[in-house]
PDB file of N, CA and C in Angstrom:
ATOM      1  N   MET A   1      51.374   0.037  45.756  1.00  0.00           N
ATOM      2  CA  MET A   1      50.936   0.299  44.191  1.00  0.00           C
ATOM      3  C   MET A   1      49.607   0.399  43.705  1.00  0.00           C
ATOM      4  N   PRO A   2      49.611   1.327  43.196  1.00  0.00           N
ATOM      5  CA  PRO A   2      48.218   1.786  42.220  1.00  0.00           C
ATOM      6  C   PRO A   2      47.810   0.527  41.863  1.00  0.00           C
ATOM      7  N   GLU A   3      46.534   0.410  41.902  1.00  0.00           N
ATOM      8  CA  GLU A   3      45.406  -0.661  41.026  1.00  0.00           C
ATOM      9  C   GLU A   3      45.670  -0.637  39.522  1.00  0.00           C
ATOM     10  N   GLN A   4      45.924   0.910  38.978  1.00  0.00           N
ATOM     11  CA  GLN A   4      45.603   0.756  37.801  1.00  0.00           C
ATOM     12  C   GLN A   4      47.480   0.090  37.125  1.00  0.00           C
ATOM     13  N   LYS A   5      48.505   0.724  37.854  1.00  0.00           N
ATOM     14  CA  LYS A   5      49.736   0.055  37.605  1.00  0.00           C
ATOM     15  C   LYS A   5      49.896  -1.091  37.498  1.00  0.00           C
ATOM     16  N   ILE A   6      49.088  -2.112  38.938  1.00  0.00           N
ATOM     17  CA  ILE A   6      49.001  -3.576  38.755  1.00  0.00           C
ATOM     18  C   ILE A   6      48.196  -4.145  37.662  1.00  0.00           C
ATOM     19  N   ASN A   7      47.506  -3.562  37.016  1.00  0.00           N
ATOM     20  CA  ASN A   7      46.495  -4.104  36.050  1.00  0.00           C
ATOM     21  C   ASN A   7      47.490  -4.224  34.846  1.00  0.00           C
ATOM     22  N   LEU A   8      48.205  -2.884  34.557  1.00  0.00           N
ATOM     23  CA  LEU A   8      49.180  -2.934  33.580  1.00  0.00           C
ATOM     24  C   LEU A   8      50.187  -3.840  33.693  1.00  0.00           C
ATOM     25  N   THR A   9      50.707  -4.232  35.070  1.00  0.00           N
ATOM     26  CA  THR A   9      52.057  -5.072  35.278  1.00  0.00           C
ATOM     27  C   THR A   9      51.214  -6.216  34.783  1.00  0.00           C
ATOM     28  N   LEU A  10      49.851  -6.612  35.252  1.00  0.00           N
ATOM     29  CA  LEU A  10      49.512  -8.098  34.931  1.00  0.00           C
ATOM     30  C   LEU A  10      49.264  -8.302  33.316  1.00  0.00           C
ATOM     31  N   LYS A  11      48.996  -7.404  32.859  1.00  0.00           N
ATOM     32  CA  LYS A  11      48.950  -7.476  31.146  1.00  0.00           C
ATOM     33  C   LYS A  11      49.894  -7.812  30.635  1.00  0.00           C
ATOM     34  N   THR A  12      50.994  -7.166  31.181  1.00  0.00           N
ATOM     35  CA  THR A  12      52.166  -7.093  30.442  1.00  0.00           C
ATOM     36  C   THR A  12      53.026  -9.104  30.691  1.00  0.00           C
ATOM     37  N   ILE A  13      52.642  -9.288  32.065  1.00  0.00           N
ATOM     38  CA  ILE A  13      52.895 -10.555  32.516  1.00  0.00           C
ATOM     39  C   ILE A  13      52.124 -11.399  31.652  1.00  0.00           C
ATOM     40  N   GLY A  14      50.642 -11.328  31.660  1.00  0.00           N
ATOM     41  CA  GLY A  14      50.085 -12.609  30.511  1.00  0.00           C
ATOM     42  C   GLY A  14      50.512 -11.941  28.960  1.00  0.00           C
ATOM     43  N   ARG A  15      50.998 -11.254  28.261  1.00  0.00           N
ATOM     44  CA  ARG A  15      51.273 -10.897  26.966  1.00  0.00           C
ATOM     45  C   ARG A  15      52.533 -11.756  27.275  1.00  0.00           C
ATOM     46  N   LEU A  16      54.080 -11.586  28.018  1.00  0.00           N
ATOM     47  CA  LEU A  16      54.792 -12.490  28.027  1.00  0.00           C
ATOM     48  C   LEU A  16      54.629 -13.994  28.176  1.00  0.00           C
ATOM     49  N   ALA A  17      53.730 -14.277  28.987  1.00  0.00           N
ATOM     50  CA  ALA A  17      53.138 -15.784  29.135  1.00  0.00           C
ATOM     51  C   ALA A  17      52.657 -16.139  27.592  1.00  0.00           C
ATOM     52  N   ARG A  18      52.389 -15.213  26.835  1.00  0.00           N
ATOM     53  CA  ARG A  18      51.548 -16.160  25.684  1.00  0.00           C
ATOM     54  C   ARG A  18      50.179 -16.279  25.816  1.00  0.00           C
ATOM     55  N   ILE A  19      49.530 -15.653  26.841  1.00  0.00           N
ATOM     56  CA  ILE A  19      48.230 -15.517  26.995  1.00  0.00           C
ATOM     57  C   ILE A  19      47.367 -14.898  26.021  1.00  0.00           C
ATOM     58  N   ASN A  20      47.634 -15.427  24.736  1.00  0.00           N
ATOM     59  CA  ASN A  20      47.142 -14.435  23.617  1.00  0.00           C
ATOM     60  C   ASN A  20      45.990 -15.101  22.654  1.00  0.00           C
ATOM     61  N   GLU A  21      44.973 -15.772  23.363  1.00  0.00           N
ATOM     62  CA  GLU A  21      43.763 -16.122  22.313  1.00  0.00           C
ATOM     63  C   GLU A  21      42.936 -14.868  22.188  1.00  0.00           C
ATOM     64  N   ASN A  22      42.633 -15.087  20.828  1.00  0.00           N
ATOM     65  CA  ASN A  22      41.329 -14.030  20.498  1.00  0.00           C
ATOM     66  C   ASN A  22      40.063 -14.305  21.659  1.00  0.00           C
ATOM     67  N   VAL A  23      39.701 -12.995  22.166  1.00  0.00           N
ATOM     68  CA  VAL A  23      38.429 -13.412  22.865  1.00  0.00           C
ATOM     69  C   VAL A  23      37.477 -12.145  22.373  1.00  0.00           C
ATOM     70  N   GLU A  24      36.400 -12.422  22.026  1.00  0.00           N
ATOM     71  CA  GLU A  24      35.248 -11.688  21.483  1.00  0.00           C
ATOM     72  C   GLU A  24      34.411 -11.118  22.546  1.00  0.00           C
ATOM     73  N   ILE A  25      34.381  -9.963  22.817  1.00  0.00           N
ATOM     74  CA  ILE A  25      33.362  -9.516  23.704  1.00  0.00           C
ATOM     75  C   ILE A  25      32.080  -8.529  22.909  1.00  0.00           C
ATOM     76  N   GLU A  26      30.896  -9.050  23.558  1.00  0.00           N
ATOM     77  CA  GLU A  26      29.741  -8.276  23.130  1.00  0.00           C
ATOM     78  C   GLU A  26      29.268  -7.289  24.234  1.00  0.00           C
ATOM     79  N   ARG A  27      28.804  -5.859  23.625  1.00  0.00           N
ATOM     80  CA  ARG A  27      28.425  -4.903  24.598  1.00  0.00           C
ATOM     81  C   ARG A  27      27.185  -3.985  23.622  1.00  0.00           C
ATOM     82  N   THR A  28      26.271  -4.020  24.688  1.00  0.00           N
ATOM     83  CA  THR A  28      25.471  -2.988  24.023  1.00  0.00           C
ATOM     84  C   THR A  28      25.482  -1.300  24.514  1.00  0.00           C
ATOM     85  N   VAL A  29      25.640  -0.766  22.904  1.00  0.00           N
ATOM     86  CA  VAL A  29      26.220   0.763  23.059  1.00  0.00           C
ATOM     87  C   VAL A  29      25.120   1.225  22.342  1.00  0.00           C
ATOM     88  N   GLY A  30      24.562   2.600  23.433  1.00  0.00           N
ATOM     89  CA  GLY A  30      23.201   3.287  22.131  1.00  0.00           C
ATOM     90  C   GLY A  30      22.348   2.562  21.803  1.00  0.00           C
ATOM     91  N   GLY A  31      22.011   1.299  22.589  1.00  0.00           N
ATOM     92  CA  GLY A  31      20.689   0.190  21.796  1.00  0.00           C
ATOM     93  C   GLY A  31      21.278  -0.465  20.948  1.00  0.00           C
ATOM     94  N   SER A  32      22.504  -0.623  20.369  1.00  0.00           N
ATOM     95  CA  SER A  32      23.030  -1.792  19.543  1.00  0.00           C
ATOM     96  C   SER A  32      24.122  -2.664  20.003  1.00  0.00           C
ATOM     97  N   LYS A  33      24.298  -3.700  19.609  1.00  0.00           N
ATOM     98  CA  LYS A  33      25.186  -4.718  20.299  1.00  0.00           C
ATOM     99  C   LYS A  33      26.391  -4.180  19.427  1.00  0.00           C
ATOM    100  N   GLU A  34      27.682  -4.345  20.057  1.00  0.00           N
ATOM    101  CA  GLU A  34      29.010  -4.364  19.410  1.00  0.00           C
ATOM    102  C   GLU A  34      29.786  -5.467  19.752  1.00  0.00           C
ATOM    103  N   LYS A  35      30.488  -5.838  18.902  1.00  0.00           N
ATOM    104  CA  LYS A  35      31.465  -7.140  19.361  1.00  0.00           C
ATOM    105  C   LYS A  35      32.727  -6.280  19.027  1.00  0.00           C
ATOM    106  N   THR A  36      33.876  -6.643  19.993  1.00  0.00           N
ATOM    107  CA  THR A  36      34.706  -6.365  19.589  1.00  0.00           C
ATOM    108  C   THR A  36      35.991  -7.463  20.228  1.00  0.00           C
ATOM    109  N   SER A  37      36.774  -7.434  19.555  1.00  0.00           N
ATOM    110  CA  SER A  37      38.059  -8.712  19.838  1.00  0.00           C
ATOM    111  C   SER A  37      39.133  -8.335  20.245  1.00  0.00           C
ATOM    112  N   PHE A  38      39.585  -8.967  21.301  1.00  0.00           N
ATOM    113  CA  PHE A  38      40.777  -8.596  22.383  1.00  0.00           C
ATOM    114  C   PHE A  38      41.974  -9.996  22.320  1.00  0.00           C
ATOM    115  N   LYS A  39      43.086  -9.703  22.540  1.00  0.00           N
ATOM    116  CA  LYS A  39      44.075 -10.728  22.746  1.00  0.00           C
ATOM    117  C   LYS A  39      43.397 -10.995  24.197  1.00  0.00           C
ATOM    118  N   LYS A  40      43.515 -12.193  24.658  1.00  0.00           N
ATOM    119  CA  LYS A  40      43.318 -12.616  26.626  1.00  0.00           C
ATOM    120  C   LYS A  40      43.860 -11.976  27.609  1.00  0.00           C
ATOM    121  N   TYR A  41      45.339 -11.295  26.870  1.00  0.00           N
ATOM    122  CA  TYR A  41      46.000 -10.749  27.899  1.00  0.00           C
ATOM    123  C   TYR A  41      45.771  -9.410  28.376  1.00  0.00           C
ATOM    124  N   GLN A  42      45.083  -8.720  27.135  1.00  0.00           N
ATOM    125  CA  GLN A  42      44.442  -7.144  27.292  1.00  0.00           C
ATOM    126  C   GLN A  42      43.242  -7.336  28.264  1.00  0.00           C
ATOM    127  N   LEU A  43      42.574  -8.316  28.708  1.00  0.00           N
ATOM    128  CA  LEU A  43      41.671  -8.581  30.100  1.00  0.00           C
ATOM    129  C   LEU A  43      41.827  -9.016  30.772  1.00  0.00           C
ATOM    130  N   ILE A  44      43.206  -9.246  31.468  1.00  0.00           N
ATOM    131  CA  ILE A  44      43.874  -9.318  32.591  1.00  0.00           C
ATOM    132  C   ILE A  44      43.526  -8.436  33.742  1.00  0.00           C
ATOM    133  N   THR A  45      43.149  -8.560  34.755  1.00  0.00           N
ATOM    134  CA  THR A  45      42.988  -7.168  36.065  1.00  0.00           C
ATOM    135  C   THR A  45      43.197  -7.742  37.144  1.00  0.00           C
ATOM    136  N   ASN A  46      43.384  -7.042  38.402  1.00  0.00           N
ATOM    137  CA  ASN A  46      43.618  -7.296  39.649  1.00  0.00           C
ATOM    138  C   ASN A  46      42.475  -8.398  39.947  1.00  0.00           C
ATOM    139  N   HIS A  47      41.529  -8.302  39.216  1.00  0.00           N
ATOM    140  CA  HIS A  47      40.336  -9.022  39.899  1.00  0.00           C
ATOM    141  C   HIS A  47      40.474 -10.725  39.120  1.00  0.00           C
ATOM    142  N   THR A  48      40.540 -10.347  37.827  1.00  0.00           N
ATOM    143  CA  THR A  48      40.898 -12.080  37.501  1.00  0.00           C
ATOM    144  C   THR A  48      42.058 -12.570  38.258  1.00  0.00           C
ATOM    145  N   ALA A  49      42.719 -11.886  38.661  1.00  0.00           N
ATOM    146  CA  ALA A  49      44.296 -12.530  39.120  1.00  0.00           C
ATOM    147  C   ALA A  49      43.450 -13.224  40.530  1.00  0.00           C
ATOM    148  N   ARG A  50      42.863 -12.197  41.012  1.00  0.00           N
ATOM    149  CA  ARG A  50      42.434 -12.690  42.205  1.00  0.00           C
ATOM    150  C   ARG A  50      41.406 -13.946  42.457  1.00  0.00           C
ATOM    151  N   ARG A  51      40.931 -13.792  41.528  1.00  0.00           N
ATOM    152  CA  ARG A  51      39.469 -14.981  41.258  1.00  0.00           C
ATOM    153  C   ARG A  51      40.486 -16.145  40.934  1.00  0.00           C
ATOM    154  N   SER A  52      41.460 -16.181  39.932  1.00  0.00           N
ATOM    155  CA  SER A  52      42.032 -17.136  39.721  1.00  0.00           C
ATOM    156  C   SER A  52      42.584 -17.842  40.433  1.00  0.00           C
ATOM    157  N   PHE A  53      43.311 -16.846  41.082  1.00  0.00           N
ATOM    158  CA  PHE A  53      44.123 -17.390  42.451  1.00  0.00           C
ATOM    159  C   PHE A  53      43.564 -18.455  43.530  1.00  0.00           C
ATOM    160  N   CYS A  54      42.279 -17.865  43.966  1.00  0.00           N
ATOM    161  CA  CYS A  54      41.060 -18.538  45.039  1.00  0.00           C
ATOM    162  C   CYS A  54      40.354 -19.448  44.140  1.00  0.00           C
ATOM    163  N   THR A  55      40.303 -19.615  42.746  1.00  0.00           N
ATOM    164  CA  THR A  55      39.729 -20.787  42.146  1.00  0.00           C
ATOM    165  C   THR A  55      40.812 -22.022  42.124  1.00  0.00           C
ATOM    166  N   ASN A  56      42.089 -21.654  41.687  1.00  0.00           N
ATOM    167  CA  ASN A  56      42.940 -22.869  41.660  1.00  0.00           C
ATOM    168  C   ASN A  56      43.715 -23.394  42.769  1.00  0.00           C
ATOM    169  N   ALA A  57      43.627 -22.291  43.760  1.00  0.00           N
ATOM    170  CA  ALA A  57      44.292 -22.800  45.386  1.00  0.00           C
ATOM    171  C   ALA A  57      42.728 -23.538  45.789  1.00  0.00           C
ATOM    172  N   TYR A  58      41.926 -23.547  45.586  1.00  0.00           N
ATOM    173  CA  TYR A  58      40.498 -24.402  46.026  1.00  0.00           C
ATOM    174  C   TYR A  58      40.680 -25.454  45.245  1.00  0.00           C
ATOM    175  N   LYS A  59      41.130 -25.524  44.086  1.00  0.00           N
ATOM    176  CA  LYS A  59      40.718 -27.198  43.066  1.00  0.00           C
ATOM    177  C   LYS A  59      42.252 -28.093  43.471  1.00  0.00           C
ATOM    178  N   ALA A  60      43.170 -27.232  44.209  1.00  0.00           N
ATOM    179  CA  ALA A  60      44.237 -27.961  44.131  1.00  0.00           C
ATOM    180  C   ALA A  60      44.672 -27.926  46.034  1.00  0.00           C
ATOM    181  N   GLY A  61      43.393 -28.107  46.289  1.00  0.00           N
ATOM    182  CA  GLY A  61      42.895 -28.823  47.661  1.00  0.00           C
ATOM    183  C   GLY A  61      43.213 -27.588  49.200  1.00  0.00           C
ATOM    184  N   LEU A  62      43.493 -26.723  49.023  1.00  0.00           N
ATOM    185  CA  LEU A  62      43.700 -25.708  50.283  1.00  0.00           C
ATOM    186  C   LEU A  62      42.515 -25.573  50.801  1.00  0.00           C
ATOM    187  N   SER A  63      42.340 -25.117  51.834  1.00  0.00           N
ATOM    188  CA  SER A  63      41.034 -24.950  52.546  1.00  0.00           C
ATOM    189  C   SER A  63      40.626 -23.772  52.489  1.00  0.00           C
ATOM    190  N   THR A  64      39.088 -23.358  52.229  1.00  0.00           N
ATOM    191  CA  THR A  64      38.910 -22.324  52.146  1.00  0.00           C
ATOM    192  C   THR A  64      39.157 -20.901  53.299  1.00  0.00           C
ATOM    193  N   ILE A  65      39.178 -21.377  54.688  1.00  0.00           N
ATOM    194  CA  ILE A  65      39.522 -20.414  55.457  1.00  0.00           C
ATOM    195  C   ILE A  65      41.308 -19.975  55.422  1.00  0.00           C
ATOM    196  N   ASP A  66      41.929 -21.095  54.820  1.00  0.00           N
ATOM    197  CA  ASP A  66      43.226 -20.697  54.315  1.00  0.00           C
ATOM    198  C   ASP A  66      43.200 -19.417  53.220  1.00  0.00           C
ATOM    199  N   ILE A  67      42.435 -19.741  52.222  1.00  0.00           N
ATOM    200  CA  ILE A  67      42.356 -19.323  50.854  1.00  0.00           C
ATOM    201  C   ILE A  67      41.938 -17.612  51.353  1.00  0.00           C
ATOM    202  N   MET A  68      40.598 -17.811  51.961  1.00  0.00           N
ATOM    203  CA  MET A  68      40.452 -16.574  52.582  1.00  0.00           C
ATOM    204  C   MET A  68      41.134 -15.592  53.511  1.00  0.00           C
ATOM    205  N   ALA A  69      41.885 -16.308  54.087  1.00  0.00           N
ATOM    206  CA  ALA A  69      43.003 -15.502  54.666  1.00  0.00           C
ATOM    207  C   ALA A  69      43.654 -14.599  53.756  1.00  0.00           C
ATOM    208  N   ILE A  70      44.079 -15.102  52.915  1.00  0.00           N
ATOM    209  CA  ILE A  70      45.260 -14.570  51.345  1.00  0.00           C
ATOM    210  C   ILE A  70      44.116 -13.539  50.866  1.00  0.00           C
ATOM    211  N   SER A  71      43.133 -13.817  50.534  1.00  0.00           N
ATOM    212  CA  SER A  71      42.224 -13.278  49.532  1.00  0.00           C
ATOM    213  C   SER A  71      41.310 -12.038  50.016  1.00  0.00           C
ATOM    214  N   GLY A  72      41.358 -12.039  51.594  1.00  0.00           N
ATOM    215  CA  GLY A  72      40.523 -10.926  52.507  1.00  0.00           C
ATOM    216  C   GLY A  72      39.175 -11.355  52.162  1.00  0.00           C
ATOM    217  N   HIS A  73      38.382 -12.494  51.907  1.00  0.00           N
ATOM    218  CA  HIS A  73      37.117 -12.742  51.974  1.00  0.00           C
ATOM    219  C   HIS A  73      36.786 -12.862  53.545  1.00  0.00           C
ATOM    220  N   LYS A  74      35.586 -12.643  53.967  1.00  0.00           N
ATOM    221  CA  LYS A  74      35.337 -12.864  55.378  1.00  0.00           C
ATOM    222  C   LYS A  74      34.283 -13.883  55.813  1.00  0.00           C
ATOM    223  N   SER A  75      33.225 -14.296  54.319  1.00  0.00           N
ATOM    224  CA  SER A  75      32.576 -14.899  54.590  1.00  0.00           C
ATOM    225  C   SER A  75      32.505 -15.930  53.471  1.00  0.00           C
ATOM    226  N   GLU A  76      32.527 -17.219  54.247  1.00  0.00           N
ATOM    227  CA  GLU A  76      32.896 -18.425  53.357  1.00  0.00           C
ATOM    228  C   GLU A  76      31.647 -18.468  52.057  1.00  0.00           C
ATOM    229  N   ALA A  77      30.337 -18.043  52.675  1.00  0.00           N
ATOM    230  CA  ALA A  77      29.426 -18.288  51.582  1.00  0.00           C
ATOM    231  C   ALA A  77      29.643 -17.440  50.106  1.00  0.00           C
ATOM    232  N   VAL A  78      30.205 -15.924  50.559  1.00  0.00           N
ATOM    233  CA  VAL A  78      30.239 -15.282  49.507  1.00  0.00           C
ATOM    234  C   VAL A  78      31.882 -15.984  48.555  1.00  0.00           C
ATOM    235  N   PHE A  79      32.440 -16.241  49.515  1.00  0.00           N
ATOM    236  CA  PHE A  79      33.745 -16.763  48.885  1.00  0.00           C
ATOM    237  C   PHE A  79      33.297 -17.958  47.714  1.00  0.00           C
ATOM    238  N   LEU A  80      32.394 -19.033  48.302  1.00  0.00           N
ATOM    239  CA  LEU A  80      32.243 -19.936  47.508  1.00  0.00           C
ATOM    240  C   LEU A  80      31.306 -19.354  46.139  1.00  0.00           C
ATOM    241  N   LYS A  81      30.776 -18.452  46.395  1.00  0.00           N
ATOM    242  CA  LYS A  81      29.939 -17.976  45.358  1.00  0.00           C
ATOM    243  C   LYS A  81      31.341 -17.582  44.149  1.00  0.00           C
ATOM    244  N   TYR A  82      31.864 -16.834  44.652  1.00  0.00           N
ATOM    245  CA  TYR A  82      33.161 -15.768  44.161  1.00  0.00           C
ATOM    246  C   TYR A  82      34.173 -16.774  42.851  1.00  0.00           C
ATOM    247  N   ILE A  83      34.150 -18.027  43.585  1.00  0.00           N
ATOM    248  CA  ILE A  83      35.383 -19.027  42.894  1.00  0.00           C
ATOM    249  C   ILE A  83      34.401 -19.581  41.571  1.00  0.00           C
ATOM    250  N   LYS A  84      35.382 -19.947  40.855  1.00  0.00           N
ATOM    251  CA  LYS A  84      34.439 -20.530  39.312  1.00  0.00           C
ATOM    252  C   LYS A  84      34.648 -22.105  39.424  1.00  0.00           C
ATOM    253  N   ILE A  85      33.631 -22.687  40.147  1.00  0.00           N
ATOM    254  CA  ILE A  85      33.837 -24.308  40.544  1.00  0.00           C
ATOM    255  C   ILE A  85      32.173 -24.687  40.036  1.00  0.00           C
ATOM    256  N   THR A  86      32.418 -25.832  39.122  1.00  0.00           N
ATOM    257  CA  THR A  86      31.293 -26.383  38.880  1.00  0.00           C
ATOM    258  C   THR A  86      30.778 -27.131  39.702  1.00  0.00           C
ATOM    259  N   PRO A  87      29.286 -27.432  39.898  1.00  0.00           N
ATOM    260  CA  PRO A  87      29.014 -28.370  41.132  1.00  0.00           C
ATOM    261  C   PRO A  87      29.421 -29.867  40.871  1.00  0.00           C
ATOM    262  N   ASN A  88      30.099 -30.323  39.495  1.00  0.00           N
ATOM    263  CA  ASN A  88      30.634 -31.670  39.035  1.00  0.00           C
ATOM    264  C   ASN A  88      31.856 -31.478  40.164  1.00  0.00           C
ATOM    265  N   GLU A  89      32.593 -30.440  39.819  1.00  0.00           N
ATOM    266  CA  GLU A  89      33.802 -30.009  40.235  1.00  0.00           C
ATOM    267  C   GLU A  89      34.064 -29.893  41.877  1.00  0.00           C
ATOM    268  N   ARG A  90      32.975 -29.873  42.359  1.00  0.00           N
ATOM    269  CA  ARG A  90      32.981 -29.773  43.738  1.00  0.00           C
ATOM    270  C   ARG A  90      32.619 -31.334  44.204  1.00  0.00           C
ATOM    271  N   LEU A  91      31.998 -32.109  43.636  1.00  0.00           N
ATOM    272  CA  LEU A  91      31.419 -33.283  44.169  1.00  0.00           C
ATOM    273  C   LEU A  91      32.672 -34.141  43.914  1.00  0.00           C
ATOM    274  N   LYS A  92      33.336 -33.957  42.827  1.00  0.00           N
ATOM    275  CA  LYS A  92      34.799 -34.780  42.496  1.00  0.00           C
ATOM    276  C   LYS A  92      35.966 -34.448  44.095  1.00  0.00           C
ATOM    277  N   ARG A  93      35.730 -32.942  44.488  1.00  0.00           N
ATOM    278  CA  ARG A  93      36.469 -32.782  45.465  1.00  0.00           C
ATOM    279  C   ARG A  93      36.070 -33.296  46.640  1.00  0.00           C
ATOM    280  N   LEU A  94      35.195 -33.489  46.834  1.00  0.00           N
ATOM    281  CA  LEU A  94      34.315 -34.165  47.941  1.00  0.00           C
ATOM    282  C   LEU A  94      34.760 -35.568  47.742  1.00  0.00           C
ATOM    283  N   ALA A  95      34.215 -36.050  46.929  1.00  0.00           N
ATOM    284  CA  ALA A  95      34.441 -37.726  46.678  1.00  0.00           C
ATOM    285  C   ALA A  95      35.921 -38.094  47.150  1.00  0.00           C
ATOM    286  N   SER A  96      36.761 -37.248  46.668  1.00  0.00           N
ATOM    287  CA  SER A  96      38.200 -37.644  46.875  1.00  0.00           C
ATOM    288  C   SER A  96      38.973 -37.215  48.289  1.00  0.00           C
ATOM    289  N   HIS A  97      38.037 -36.643  49.116  1.00  0.00           N
ATOM    290  CA  HIS A  97      38.683 -36.480  50.130  1.00  0.00           C
ATOM    291  C   HIS A  97      38.695 -37.693  50.833  1.00  0.00           C
ATOM    292  N   GLU A  98      39.756 -37.716  51.862  1.00  0.00           N
ATOM    293  CA  GLU A  98      40.261 -38.742  52.624  1.00  0.00           C
ATOM    294  C   GLU A  98      39.049 -39.106  53.710  1.00  0.00           C
ATOM    295  N   PHE A  99      38.195 -38.384  54.273  1.00  0.00           N
ATOM    296  CA  PHE A  99      37.210 -38.436  54.833  1.00  0.00           C
ATOM    297  C   PHE A  99      35.913 -39.375  54.607  1.00  0.00           C
ATOM    298  N   PHE A 100      35.683 -39.550  53.159  1.00  0.00           N
ATOM    299  CA  PHE A 100      34.958 -40.383  52.312  1.00  0.00           C
ATOM    300  C   PHE A 100      35.830 -41.734  52.274  1.00  0.00           C
ATOM    301  N   ASN A 101      36.813 -41.584  52.148  1.00  0.00           N
ATOM    302  CA  ASN A 101      37.898 -42.752  51.602  1.00  0.00           C
ATOM    303  C   ASN A 101      37.971 -44.168  52.790  1.00  0.00           C
TER     304      ASN A 101
END
């Protein structure tokens, strides 16, 4: 399926799921800043779906190697930079691991 069709389908799914909070994006155009308001589902793309999957799978306890096999990441260092995990979230995950208990 072409990426453009995937992105349109993801936006439709987001709208149906009522992911409709207002989000304001600020961009610089011609040297001046412009603010544009969007519904959150309008901003969902293939990339946001991939990143969300990776982050949520990591938070759910799947191993990085298994997630990388699905997402196509080849380097664990790049993968760990890619996911949206705070240092505190990483520490909580480590602290709850059976190895440390």
